[in-house]
Amino acid sequence: FAISRDSAKNTLYLQMNSLKFEDTAVYYCASRATRLVPS
């Protein structure tokens, strides 16, 4: 997987490759005020 962002579009992405059956789930996007290291 690869996470990325497009600031111009204000959009976050998650590129998922080589998907497995175990990846099946509901995926959620989340946000918080920036800190030293993301939680």
Full PDB file with SEQRES, HELIX, SHEET, SSBOND, CRYST1, ORIGX, SCALE, CONECT and MASTER records, all heavy atoms in Angstrom:
SEQRES   1 A   39  PHE ALA ILE SER ARG ASP SER ALA LYS ASN THR LEU TYR          
SEQRES   2 A   39  LEU GLN MET ASN SER LEU LYS PHE GLU ASP THR ALA VAL          
SEQRES   3 A   39  TYR TYR CYS ALA SER ARG ALA THR ARG LEU VAL PRO SER          
HELIX    1 AA1 PHE A   21  ASP A   23  5                                   3    
SHEET    1 AA1 2 ALA A   2  ASP A   6  0                                        
SHEET    2 AA1 2 THR A  11  GLN A  15 -1                                        
CRYST1    1.000    1.000    1.000  90.00  90.00  90.00 P 1           1          
ORIGX1      1.000000  0.000000  0.000000        0.00000                         
ORIGX2      0.000000  1.000000  0.000000        0.00000                         
ORIGX3      0.000000  0.000000  1.000000        0.00000                         
SCALE1      1.000000  0.000000  0.000000        0.00000                         
SCALE2      0.000000  1.000000  0.000000        0.00000                         
SCALE3      0.000000  0.000000  1.000000        0.00000                         
ATOM      1  N   PHE A   1       0.834  -1.196   0.000  1.00  0.00           N  
ATOM      2  CA  PHE A   1       0.000   0.000   0.000  1.00  0.00           C  
ATOM      3  C   PHE A   1       0.872   1.249   0.000  1.00  0.00           C  
ATOM      4  O   PHE A   1       2.005   1.234   0.499  1.00  0.00           O  
ATOM      5  CB  PHE A   1      -0.902   0.043   1.237  1.00  0.00           C  
ATOM      6  CG  PHE A   1      -1.992  -0.992   1.270  1.00  0.00           C  
ATOM      7  CD1 PHE A   1      -2.036  -2.034   0.364  1.00  0.00           C  
ATOM      8  CD2 PHE A   1      -2.978  -0.907   2.242  1.00  0.00           C  
ATOM      9  CE1 PHE A   1      -3.040  -2.987   0.408  1.00  0.00           C  
ATOM     10  CE2 PHE A   1      -3.989  -1.849   2.296  1.00  0.00           C  
ATOM     11  CZ  PHE A   1      -4.021  -2.894   1.379  1.00  0.00           C  
ATOM     12  N   ALA A   2       0.337   2.328  -0.520  1.00  0.00           N  
ATOM     13  CA  ALA A   2       1.042   3.602  -0.524  1.00  0.00           C  
ATOM     14  C   ALA A   2       0.064   4.734  -0.237  1.00  0.00           C  
ATOM     15  O   ALA A   2      -0.955   4.863  -0.914  1.00  0.00           O  
ATOM     16  CB  ALA A   2       1.739   3.832  -1.852  1.00  0.00           C  
ATOM     17  N   ILE A   3       0.377   5.530   0.768  1.00  0.00           N  
ATOM     18  CA  ILE A   3      -0.446   6.677   1.106  1.00  0.00           C  
ATOM     19  C   ILE A   3       0.167   7.922   0.474  1.00  0.00           C  
ATOM     20  O   ILE A   3       1.388   8.076   0.428  1.00  0.00           O  
ATOM     21  CB  ILE A   3      -0.576   6.834   2.637  1.00  0.00           C  
ATOM     22  CG1 ILE A   3      -1.608   7.906   2.992  1.00  0.00           C  
ATOM     23  CG2 ILE A   3       0.772   7.127   3.281  1.00  0.00           C  
ATOM     24  CD1 ILE A   3      -1.956   7.949   4.474  1.00  0.00           C  
ATOM     25  N   SER A   4      -0.675   8.789  -0.020  1.00  0.00           N  
ATOM     26  CA  SER A   4      -0.202  10.016  -0.639  1.00  0.00           C  
ATOM     27  C   SER A   4      -1.274  11.089  -0.519  1.00  0.00           C  
ATOM     28  O   SER A   4      -2.411  10.808  -0.139  1.00  0.00           O  
ATOM     29  CB  SER A   4       0.169   9.789  -2.106  1.00  0.00           C  
ATOM     30  OG  SER A   4      -0.958   9.384  -2.863  1.00  0.00           O  
ATOM     31  N   ARG A   5      -0.898  12.295  -0.844  1.00  0.00           N  
ATOM     32  CA  ARG A   5      -1.851  13.392  -0.797  1.00  0.00           C  
ATOM     33  C   ARG A   5      -1.636  14.329  -1.973  1.00  0.00           C  
ATOM     34  O   ARG A   5      -0.533  14.451  -2.505  1.00  0.00           O  
ATOM     35  CB  ARG A   5      -1.721  14.167   0.519  1.00  0.00           C  
ATOM     36  CG  ARG A   5      -0.385  14.874   0.677  1.00  0.00           C  
ATOM     37  CD  ARG A   5      -0.272  15.575   2.014  1.00  0.00           C  
ATOM     38  NE  ARG A   5       0.989  16.305   2.123  1.00  0.00           N  
ATOM     39  CZ  ARG A   5       1.392  16.952   3.200  1.00  0.00           C  
ATOM     40  NH1 ARG A   5       0.624  16.960   4.293  1.00  0.00           N  
ATOM     41  NH2 ARG A   5       2.551  17.585   3.205  1.00  0.00           N  
ATOM     42  N   ASP A   6      -2.693  14.987  -2.355  1.00  0.00           N  
ATOM     43  CA  ASP A   6      -2.650  16.009  -3.386  1.00  0.00           C  
ATOM     44  C   ASP A   6      -3.164  17.278  -2.734  1.00  0.00           C  
ATOM     45  O   ASP A   6      -4.373  17.450  -2.556  1.00  0.00           O  
ATOM     46  CB  ASP A   6      -3.503  15.614  -4.587  1.00  0.00           C  
ATOM     47  CG  ASP A   6      -3.355  16.578  -5.748  1.00  0.00           C  
ATOM     48  OD1 ASP A   6      -3.101  17.771  -5.514  1.00  0.00           O  
ATOM     49  OD2 ASP A   6      -3.502  16.134  -6.905  1.00  0.00           O  
ATOM     50  N   SER A   7      -2.248  18.157  -2.365  1.00  0.00           N  
ATOM     51  CA  SER A   7      -2.624  19.367  -1.648  1.00  0.00           C  
ATOM     52  C   SER A   7      -3.506  20.285  -2.483  1.00  0.00           C  
ATOM     53  O   SER A   7      -4.398  20.946  -1.956  1.00  0.00           O  
ATOM     54  CB  SER A   7      -1.369  20.122  -1.197  1.00  0.00           C  
ATOM     55  OG  SER A   7      -0.614  19.342  -0.289  1.00  0.00           O  
ATOM     56  N   ALA A   8      -3.253  20.331  -3.784  1.00  0.00           N  
ATOM     57  CA  ALA A   8      -4.040  21.185  -4.661  1.00  0.00           C  
ATOM     58  C   ALA A   8      -5.503  20.763  -4.687  1.00  0.00           C  
ATOM     59  O   ALA A   8      -6.398  21.596  -4.772  1.00  0.00           O  
ATOM     60  CB  ALA A   8      -3.465  21.175  -6.071  1.00  0.00           C  
ATOM     61  N   LYS A   9      -5.742  19.456  -4.610  1.00  0.00           N  
ATOM     62  CA  LYS A   9      -7.097  18.924  -4.614  1.00  0.00           C  
ATOM     63  C   LYS A   9      -7.630  18.674  -3.214  1.00  0.00           C  
ATOM     64  O   LYS A   9      -8.793  18.286  -3.057  1.00  0.00           O  
ATOM     65  CB  LYS A   9      -7.158  17.631  -5.417  1.00  0.00           C  
ATOM     66  CG  LYS A   9      -6.825  17.785  -6.882  1.00  0.00           C  
ATOM     67  CD  LYS A   9      -6.942  16.457  -7.609  1.00  0.00           C  
ATOM     68  CE  LYS A   9      -6.649  16.611  -9.085  1.00  0.00           C  
ATOM     69  NZ  LYS A   9      -6.761  15.324  -9.810  1.00  0.00           N  
ATOM     70  N   ASN A  10      -6.774  18.869  -2.212  1.00  0.00           N  
ATOM     71  CA  ASN A  10      -7.147  18.623  -0.819  1.00  0.00           C  
ATOM     72  C   ASN A  10      -7.688  17.203  -0.646  1.00  0.00           C  
ATOM     73  O   ASN A  10      -8.711  16.977   0.000  1.00  0.00           O  
ATOM     74  CB  ASN A  10      -8.185  19.643  -0.349  1.00  0.00           C  
ATOM     75  CG  ASN A  10      -8.105  19.918   1.137  1.00  0.00           C  
ATOM     76  OD1 ASN A  10      -7.034  19.836   1.742  1.00  0.00           O  
ATOM     77  ND2 ASN A  10      -9.236  20.256   1.737  1.00  0.00           N  
ATOM     78  N   THR A  11      -6.965  16.250  -1.235  1.00  0.00           N  
ATOM     79  CA  THR A  11      -7.412  14.865  -1.265  1.00  0.00           C  
ATOM     80  C   THR A  11      -6.311  13.917  -0.809  1.00  0.00           C  
ATOM     81  O   THR A  11      -5.145  14.079  -1.186  1.00  0.00           O  
ATOM     82  CB  THR A  11      -7.869  14.471  -2.677  1.00  0.00           C  
ATOM     83  OG1 THR A  11      -8.942  15.325  -3.075  1.00  0.00           O  
ATOM     84  CG2 THR A  11      -8.345  13.028  -2.719  1.00  0.00           C  
ATOM     85  N   LEU A  12      -6.682  12.942  -0.013  1.00  0.00           N  
ATOM     86  CA  LEU A  12      -5.797  11.889   0.454  1.00  0.00           C  
ATOM     87  C   LEU A  12      -6.076  10.623  -0.339  1.00  0.00           C  
ATOM     88  O   LEU A  12      -7.230  10.331  -0.656  1.00  0.00           O  
ATOM     89  CB  LEU A  12      -6.035  11.634   1.942  1.00  0.00           C  
ATOM     90  CG  LEU A  12      -5.214  10.534   2.608  1.00  0.00           C  
ATOM     91  CD1 LEU A  12      -3.780  11.007   2.820  1.00  0.00           C  
ATOM     92  CD2 LEU A  12      -5.856  10.128   3.927  1.00  0.00           C  
ATOM     93  N   TYR A  13      -5.030   9.853  -0.636  1.00  0.00           N  
ATOM     94  CA  TYR A  13      -5.177   8.625  -1.402  1.00  0.00           C  
ATOM     95  C   TYR A  13      -4.556   7.442  -0.671  1.00  0.00           C  
ATOM     96  O   TYR A  13      -3.622   7.590   0.113  1.00  0.00           O  
ATOM     97  CB  TYR A  13      -4.510   8.744  -2.770  1.00  0.00           C  
ATOM     98  CG  TYR A  13      -5.049   9.854  -3.630  1.00  0.00           C  
ATOM     99  CD1 TYR A  13      -4.387  11.069  -3.715  1.00  0.00           C  
ATOM    100  CD2 TYR A  13      -6.223   9.684  -4.357  1.00  0.00           C  
ATOM    101  CE1 TYR A  13      -4.875  12.093  -4.506  1.00  0.00           C  
ATOM    102  CE2 TYR A  13      -6.719  10.709  -5.147  1.00  0.00           C  
ATOM    103  CZ  TYR A  13      -6.045  11.906  -5.219  1.00  0.00           C  
ATOM    104  OH  TYR A  13      -6.544  12.921  -6.006  1.00  0.00           O  
ATOM    105  N   LEU A  14      -5.079   6.274  -0.962  1.00  0.00           N  
ATOM    106  CA  LEU A  14      -4.464   5.030  -0.531  1.00  0.00           C  
ATOM    107  C   LEU A  14      -4.435   4.098  -1.737  1.00  0.00           C  
ATOM    108  O   LEU A  14      -5.470   3.569  -2.141  1.00  0.00           O  
ATOM    109  CB  LEU A  14      -5.228   4.378   0.620  1.00  0.00           C  
ATOM    110  CG  LEU A  14      -4.594   3.104   1.178  1.00  0.00           C  
ATOM    111  CD1 LEU A  14      -3.271   3.429   1.869  1.00  0.00           C  
ATOM    112  CD2 LEU A  14      -5.533   2.399   2.154  1.00  0.00           C  
ATOM    113  N   GLN A  15      -3.253   3.929  -2.306  1.00  0.00           N  
ATOM    114  CA  GLN A  15      -3.074   3.002  -3.410  1.00  0.00           C  
ATOM    115  C   GLN A  15      -2.820   1.622  -2.830  1.00  0.00           C  
ATOM    116  O   GLN A  15      -1.866   1.427  -2.086  1.00  0.00           O  
ATOM    117  CB  GLN A  15      -1.900   3.432  -4.289  1.00  0.00           C  
ATOM    118  CG  GLN A  15      -1.611   2.499  -5.455  1.00  0.00           C  
ATOM    119  CD  GLN A  15      -2.735   2.461  -6.459  1.00  0.00           C  
ATOM    120  OE1 GLN A  15      -3.239   3.509  -6.873  1.00  0.00           O  
ATOM    121  NE2 GLN A  15      -3.159   1.262  -6.851  1.00  0.00           N  
ATOM    122  N   MET A  16      -3.667   0.671  -3.178  1.00  0.00           N  
ATOM    123  CA  MET A  16      -3.576  -0.680  -2.651  1.00  0.00           C  
ATOM    124  C   MET A  16      -3.252  -1.636  -3.789  1.00  0.00           C  
ATOM    125  O   MET A  16      -4.028  -1.781  -4.730  1.00  0.00           O  
ATOM    126  CB  MET A  16      -4.876  -1.084  -1.965  1.00  0.00           C  
ATOM    127  CG  MET A  16      -5.296  -0.137  -0.845  1.00  0.00           C  
ATOM    128  SD  MET A  16      -6.780  -0.693   0.031  1.00  0.00           S  
ATOM    129  CE  MET A  16      -7.997  -0.481  -1.271  1.00  0.00           C  
ATOM    130  N   ASN A  17      -2.100  -2.274  -3.695  1.00  0.00           N  
ATOM    131  CA  ASN A  17      -1.660  -3.236  -4.689  1.00  0.00           C  
ATOM    132  C   ASN A  17      -1.520  -4.615  -4.052  1.00  0.00           C  
ATOM    133  O   ASN A  17      -1.439  -4.749  -2.838  1.00  0.00           O  
ATOM    134  CB  ASN A  17      -0.322  -2.810  -5.293  1.00  0.00           C  
ATOM    135  CG  ASN A  17      -0.387  -1.476  -5.997  1.00  0.00           C  
ATOM    136  OD1 ASN A  17      -1.366  -1.157  -6.662  1.00  0.00           O  
ATOM    137  ND2 ASN A  17       0.686  -0.692  -5.870  1.00  0.00           N  
ATOM    138  N   SER A  18      -1.465  -5.626  -4.899  1.00  0.00           N  
ATOM    139  CA  SER A  18      -1.314  -7.009  -4.439  1.00  0.00           C  
ATOM    140  C   SER A  18      -2.299  -7.329  -3.324  1.00  0.00           C  
ATOM    141  O   SER A  18      -1.938  -7.882  -2.281  1.00  0.00           O  
ATOM    142  CB  SER A  18       0.122  -7.249  -3.968  1.00  0.00           C  
ATOM    143  OG  SER A  18       1.051  -7.003  -5.002  1.00  0.00           O  
ATOM    144  N   LEU A  19      -3.534  -6.994  -3.549  1.00  0.00           N  
ATOM    145  CA  LEU A  19      -4.549  -7.166  -2.519  1.00  0.00           C  
ATOM    146  C   LEU A  19      -4.759  -8.631  -2.165  1.00  0.00           C  
ATOM    147  O   LEU A  19      -4.707  -9.509  -3.029  1.00  0.00           O  
ATOM    148  CB  LEU A  19      -5.863  -6.546  -2.971  1.00  0.00           C  
ATOM    149  CG  LEU A  19      -5.908  -5.020  -2.863  1.00  0.00           C  
ATOM    150  CD1 LEU A  19      -7.038  -4.455  -3.704  1.00  0.00           C  
ATOM    151  CD2 LEU A  19      -6.075  -4.606  -1.399  1.00  0.00           C  
ATOM    152  N   LYS A  20      -5.003  -8.854  -0.882  1.00  0.00           N  
ATOM    153  CA  LYS A  20      -5.247 -10.178  -0.352  1.00  0.00           C  
ATOM    154  C   LYS A  20      -6.665 -10.255   0.204  1.00  0.00           C  
ATOM    155  O   LYS A  20      -7.270  -9.235   0.524  1.00  0.00           O  
ATOM    156  CB  LYS A  20      -4.253 -10.504   0.766  1.00  0.00           C  
ATOM    157  CG  LYS A  20      -2.790 -10.369   0.384  1.00  0.00           C  
ATOM    158  CD  LYS A  20      -1.903 -10.575   1.596  1.00  0.00           C  
ATOM    159  CE  LYS A  20      -0.431 -10.426   1.248  1.00  0.00           C  
ATOM    160  NZ  LYS A  20       0.430 -10.594   2.446  1.00  0.00           N  
ATOM    161  N   PHE A  21      -7.150 -11.473   0.363  1.00  0.00           N  
ATOM    162  CA  PHE A  21      -8.467 -11.662   0.953  1.00  0.00           C  
ATOM    163  C   PHE A  21      -8.532 -11.021   2.341  1.00  0.00           C  
ATOM    164  O   PHE A  21      -9.568 -10.466   2.725  1.00  0.00           O  
ATOM    165  CB  PHE A  21      -8.799 -13.150   1.046  1.00  0.00           C  
ATOM    166  CG  PHE A  21     -10.088 -13.439   1.747  1.00  0.00           C  
ATOM    167  CD1 PHE A  21     -11.299 -13.244   1.099  1.00  0.00           C  
ATOM    168  CD2 PHE A  21     -10.091 -13.904   3.053  1.00  0.00           C  
ATOM    169  CE1 PHE A  21     -12.496 -13.504   1.738  1.00  0.00           C  
ATOM    170  CE2 PHE A  21     -11.283 -14.172   3.699  1.00  0.00           C  
ATOM    171  CZ  PHE A  21     -12.489 -13.972   3.041  1.00  0.00           C  
ATOM    172  N   GLU A  22      -7.439 -11.082   3.069  1.00  0.00           N  
ATOM    173  CA  GLU A  22      -7.373 -10.533   4.418  1.00  0.00           C  
ATOM    174  C   GLU A  22      -7.498  -9.011   4.463  1.00  0.00           C  
ATOM    175  O   GLU A  22      -7.679  -8.438   5.540  1.00  0.00           O  
ATOM    176  CB  GLU A  22      -6.064 -10.940   5.103  1.00  0.00           C  
ATOM    177  CG  GLU A  22      -5.820 -12.443   5.131  1.00  0.00           C  
ATOM    178  CD  GLU A  22      -5.055 -12.903   3.914  1.00  0.00           C  
ATOM    179  OE1 GLU A  22      -3.808 -12.838   3.944  1.00  0.00           O  
ATOM    180  OE2 GLU A  22      -5.708 -13.324   2.935  1.00  0.00           O  
ATOM    181  N   ASP A  23      -7.375  -8.357   3.322  1.00  0.00           N  
ATOM    182  CA  ASP A  23      -7.529  -6.907   3.264  1.00  0.00           C  
ATOM    183  C   ASP A  23      -8.991  -6.478   3.242  1.00  0.00           C  
ATOM    184  O   ASP A  23      -9.287  -5.280   3.312  1.00  0.00           O  
ATOM    185  CB  ASP A  23      -6.822  -6.341   2.031  1.00  0.00           C  
ATOM    186  CG  ASP A  23      -5.318  -6.531   2.089  1.00  0.00           C  
ATOM    187  OD1 ASP A  23      -4.727  -6.331   3.165  1.00  0.00           O  
ATOM    188  OD2 ASP A  23      -4.735  -6.871   1.038  1.00  0.00           O  
ATOM    189  N   THR A  24      -9.891  -7.419   3.110  1.00  0.00           N  
ATOM    190  CA  THR A  24     -11.315  -7.112   3.072  1.00  0.00           C  
ATOM    191  C   THR A  24     -11.746  -6.428   4.365  1.00  0.00           C  
ATOM    192  O   THR A  24     -11.546  -6.954   5.454  1.00  0.00           O  
ATOM    193  CB  THR A  24     -12.137  -8.384   2.858  1.00  0.00           C  
ATOM    194  OG1 THR A  24     -11.823  -8.946   1.582  1.00  0.00           O  
ATOM    195  CG2 THR A  24     -13.630  -8.084   2.905  1.00  0.00           C  
ATOM    196  N   ALA A  25     -12.333  -5.250   4.234  1.00  0.00           N  
ATOM    197  CA  ALA A  25     -12.749  -4.468   5.392  1.00  0.00           C  
ATOM    198  C   ALA A  25     -13.416  -3.182   4.920  1.00  0.00           C  
ATOM    199  O   ALA A  25     -13.376  -2.847   3.733  1.00  0.00           O  
ATOM    200  CB  ALA A  25     -11.543  -4.125   6.273  1.00  0.00           C  
ATOM    201  N   VAL A  26     -14.004  -2.479   5.861  1.00  0.00           N  
ATOM    202  CA  VAL A  26     -14.435  -1.116   5.610  1.00  0.00           C  
ATOM    203  C   VAL A  26     -13.254  -0.214   5.912  1.00  0.00           C  
ATOM    204  O   VAL A  26     -12.667  -0.288   6.993  1.00  0.00           O  
ATOM    205  CB  VAL A  26     -15.647  -0.720   6.475  1.00  0.00           C  
ATOM    206  CG1 VAL A  26     -16.006   0.743   6.244  1.00  0.00           C  
ATOM    207  CG2 VAL A  26     -16.839  -1.614   6.150  1.00  0.00           C  
ATOM    208  N   TYR A  27     -12.897   0.626   4.973  1.00  0.00           N  
ATOM    209  CA  TYR A  27     -11.756   1.518   5.130  1.00  0.00           C  
ATOM    210  C   TYR A  27     -12.229   2.923   5.458  1.00  0.00           C  
ATOM    211  O   TYR A  27     -13.135   3.456   4.812  1.00  0.00           O  
ATOM    212  CB  TYR A  27     -10.908   1.528   3.857  1.00  0.00           C  
ATOM    213  CG  TYR A  27     -10.055   0.297   3.718  1.00  0.00           C  
ATOM    214  CD1 TYR A  27     -10.635  -0.937   3.423  1.00  0.00           C  
ATOM    215  CD2 TYR A  27      -8.673   0.354   3.893  1.00  0.00           C  
ATOM    216  CE1 TYR A  27      -9.866  -2.079   3.325  1.00  0.00           C  
ATOM    217  CE2 TYR A  27      -7.896  -0.784   3.781  1.00  0.00           C  
ATOM    218  CZ  TYR A  27      -8.498  -1.998   3.497  1.00  0.00           C  
ATOM    219  OH  TYR A  27      -7.721  -3.130   3.388  1.00  0.00           O  
ATOM    220  N   TYR A  28     -11.587   3.523   6.452  1.00  0.00           N  
ATOM    221  CA  TYR A  28     -11.961   4.843   6.932  1.00  0.00           C  
ATOM    222  C   TYR A  28     -10.807   5.824   6.803  1.00  0.00           C  
ATOM    223  O   TYR A  28      -9.654   5.485   7.077  1.00  0.00           O  
ATOM    224  CB  TYR A  28     -12.373   4.792   8.405  1.00  0.00           C  
ATOM    225  CG  TYR A  28     -13.581   3.947   8.695  1.00  0.00           C  
ATOM    226  CD1 TYR A  28     -13.455   2.593   8.985  1.00  0.00           C  
ATOM    227  CD2 TYR A  28     -14.856   4.506   8.691  1.00  0.00           C  
ATOM    228  CE1 TYR A  28     -14.560   1.812   9.261  1.00  0.00           C  
ATOM    229  CE2 TYR A  28     -15.967   3.734   8.966  1.00  0.00           C  
ATOM    230  CZ  TYR A  28     -15.814   2.391   9.256  1.00  0.00           C  
ATOM    231  OH  TYR A  28     -16.917   1.625   9.534  1.00  0.00           O  
ATOM    232  N   CYS A  29     -11.132   7.022   6.427  1.00  0.00           N  
ATOM    233  CA  CYS A  29     -10.197   8.133   6.419  1.00  0.00           C  
ATOM    234  C   CYS A  29     -10.350   8.898   7.730  1.00  0.00           C  
ATOM    235  O   CYS A  29     -11.472   9.093   8.212  1.00  0.00           O  
ATOM    236  CB  CYS A  29     -10.496   9.035   5.221  1.00  0.00           C  
ATOM    237  SG  CYS A  29      -9.515  10.541   5.121  1.00  0.00           S  
ATOM    238  N   ALA A  30      -9.234   9.331   8.310  1.00  0.00           N  
ATOM    239  CA  ALA A  30      -9.268  10.054   9.575  1.00  0.00           C  
ATOM    240  C   ALA A  30      -8.285  11.215   9.549  1.00  0.00           C  
ATOM    241  O   ALA A  30      -7.327  11.228   8.771  1.00  0.00           O  
ATOM    242  CB  ALA A  30      -8.932   9.111  10.733  1.00  0.00           C  
ATOM    243  N   SER A  31      -8.510  12.180  10.444  1.00  0.00           N  
ATOM    244  CA  SER A  31      -7.688  13.377  10.468  1.00  0.00           C  
ATOM    245  C   SER A  31      -7.545  13.919  11.885  1.00  0.00           C  
ATOM    246  O   SER A  31      -8.432  13.745  12.723  1.00  0.00           O  
ATOM    247  CB  SER A  31      -8.306  14.445   9.560  1.00  0.00           C  
ATOM    248  OG  SER A  31      -7.581  15.661   9.608  1.00  0.00           O  
ATOM    249  N   ARG A  32      -6.420  14.575  12.126  1.00  0.00           N  
ATOM    250  CA  ARG A  32      -6.200  15.290  13.378  1.00  0.00           C  
ATOM    251  C   ARG A  32      -5.189  16.402  13.124  1.00  0.00           C  
ATOM    252  O   ARG A  32      -4.444  16.371  12.147  1.00  0.00           O  
ATOM    253  CB  ARG A  32      -5.682  14.358  14.477  1.00  0.00           C  
ATOM    254  CG  ARG A  32      -4.246  13.916  14.275  1.00  0.00           C  
ATOM    255  CD  ARG A  32      -3.664  13.307  15.541  1.00  0.00           C  
ATOM    256  NE  ARG A  32      -2.251  12.993  15.404  1.00  0.00           N  
ATOM    257  CZ  ARG A  32      -1.480  12.553  16.388  1.00  0.00           C  
ATOM    258  NH1 ARG A  32      -2.001  12.355  17.599  1.00  0.00           N  
ATOM    259  NH2 ARG A  32      -0.201  12.304  16.177  1.00  0.00           N  
ATOM    260  N   ALA A  33      -5.154  17.386  14.019  1.00  0.00           N  
ATOM    261  CA  ALA A  33      -4.148  18.433  13.918  1.00  0.00           C  
ATOM    262  C   ALA A  33      -2.768  17.797  13.963  1.00  0.00           C  
ATOM    263  O   ALA A  33      -2.517  16.896  14.761  1.00  0.00           O  
ATOM    264  CB  ALA A  33      -4.313  19.441  15.043  1.00  0.00           C  
ATOM    265  N   THR A  34      -1.886  18.246  13.095  1.00  0.00           N  
ATOM    266  CA  THR A  34      -0.582  17.607  12.957  1.00  0.00           C  
ATOM    267  C   THR A  34       0.225  17.625  14.258  1.00  0.00           C  
ATOM    268  O   THR A  34       0.214  18.598  15.010  1.00  0.00           O  
ATOM    269  CB  THR A  34       0.223  18.266  11.821  1.00  0.00           C  
ATOM    270  OG1 THR A  34       1.412  17.508  11.583  1.00  0.00           O  
ATOM    271  CG2 THR A  34       0.605  19.695  12.171  1.00  0.00           C  
ATOM    272  N   ARG A  35       0.910  16.524  14.508  1.00  0.00           N  
ATOM    273  CA  ARG A  35       1.778  16.356  15.667  1.00  0.00           C  
ATOM    274  C   ARG A  35       3.160  15.949  15.182  1.00  0.00           C  
ATOM    275  O   ARG A  35       3.415  15.883  13.978  1.00  0.00           O  
ATOM    276  CB  ARG A  35       1.206  15.311  16.628  1.00  0.00           C  
ATOM    277  CG  ARG A  35      -0.219  15.597  17.092  1.00  0.00           C  
ATOM    278  CD  ARG A  35      -0.287  16.799  18.013  1.00  0.00           C  
ATOM    279  NE  ARG A  35      -1.653  17.099  18.404  1.00  0.00           N  
ATOM    280  CZ  ARG A  35      -2.280  16.553  19.433  1.00  0.00           C  
ATOM    281  NH1 ARG A  35      -1.656  15.662  20.204  1.00  0.00           N  
ATOM    282  NH2 ARG A  35      -3.533  16.892  19.706  1.00  0.00           N  
ATOM    283  N   LEU A  36       4.037  15.657  16.119  1.00  0.00           N  
ATOM    284  CA  LEU A  36       5.403  15.286  15.767  1.00  0.00           C  
ATOM    285  C   LEU A  36       5.437  14.016  14.919  1.00  0.00           C  
ATOM    286  O   LEU A  36       6.172  13.925  13.940  1.00  0.00           O  
ATOM    287  CB  LEU A  36       6.242  15.107  17.031  1.00  0.00           C  
ATOM    288  CG  LEU A  36       7.719  14.804  16.836  1.00  0.00           C  
ATOM    289  CD1 LEU A  36       8.402  15.956  16.109  1.00  0.00           C  
ATOM    290  CD2 LEU A  36       8.383  14.557  18.178  1.00  0.00           C  
ATOM    291  N   VAL A  37       4.634  13.031  15.315  1.00  0.00           N  
ATOM    292  CA  VAL A  37       4.535  11.765  14.595  1.00  0.00           C  
ATOM    293  C   VAL A  37       3.066  11.362  14.541  1.00  0.00           C  
ATOM    294  O   VAL A  37       2.387  11.395  15.562  1.00  0.00           O  
ATOM    295  CB  VAL A  37       5.338  10.646  15.282  1.00  0.00           C  
ATOM    296  CG1 VAL A  37       5.184   9.335  14.525  1.00  0.00           C  
ATOM    297  CG2 VAL A  37       6.800  11.025  15.382  1.00  0.00           C  
ATOM    298  N   PRO A  38       2.564  10.976  13.368  1.00  0.00           N  
ATOM    299  CA  PRO A  38       1.166  10.538  13.298  1.00  0.00           C  
ATOM    300  C   PRO A  38       0.905   9.347  14.204  1.00  0.00           C  
ATOM    301  O   PRO A  38       1.738   8.462  14.346  1.00  0.00           O  
ATOM    302  CB  PRO A  38       0.981  10.159  11.823  1.00  0.00           C  
ATOM    303  CG  PRO A  38       1.997  10.984  11.103  1.00  0.00           C  
ATOM    304  CD  PRO A  38       3.178  11.029  12.030  1.00  0.00           C  
ATOM    305  N   SER A  39      -0.280   9.310  14.795  1.00  0.00           N  
ATOM    306  CA  SER A  39      -0.641   8.247  15.711  1.00  0.00           C  
ATOM    307  C   SER A  39      -1.236   7.059  14.969  1.00  0.00           C  
ATOM    308  O   SER A  39      -1.854   7.211  13.912  1.00  0.00           O  
ATOM    309  CB  SER A  39      -1.644   8.758  16.743  1.00  0.00           C  
ATOM    310  OG  SER A  39      -2.052   7.725  17.613  1.00  0.00           O  
TER     311      SER A  39                                                      
MASTER        0    0    0    1    2    0    0    6  310    1    0    3          
END                                                                             
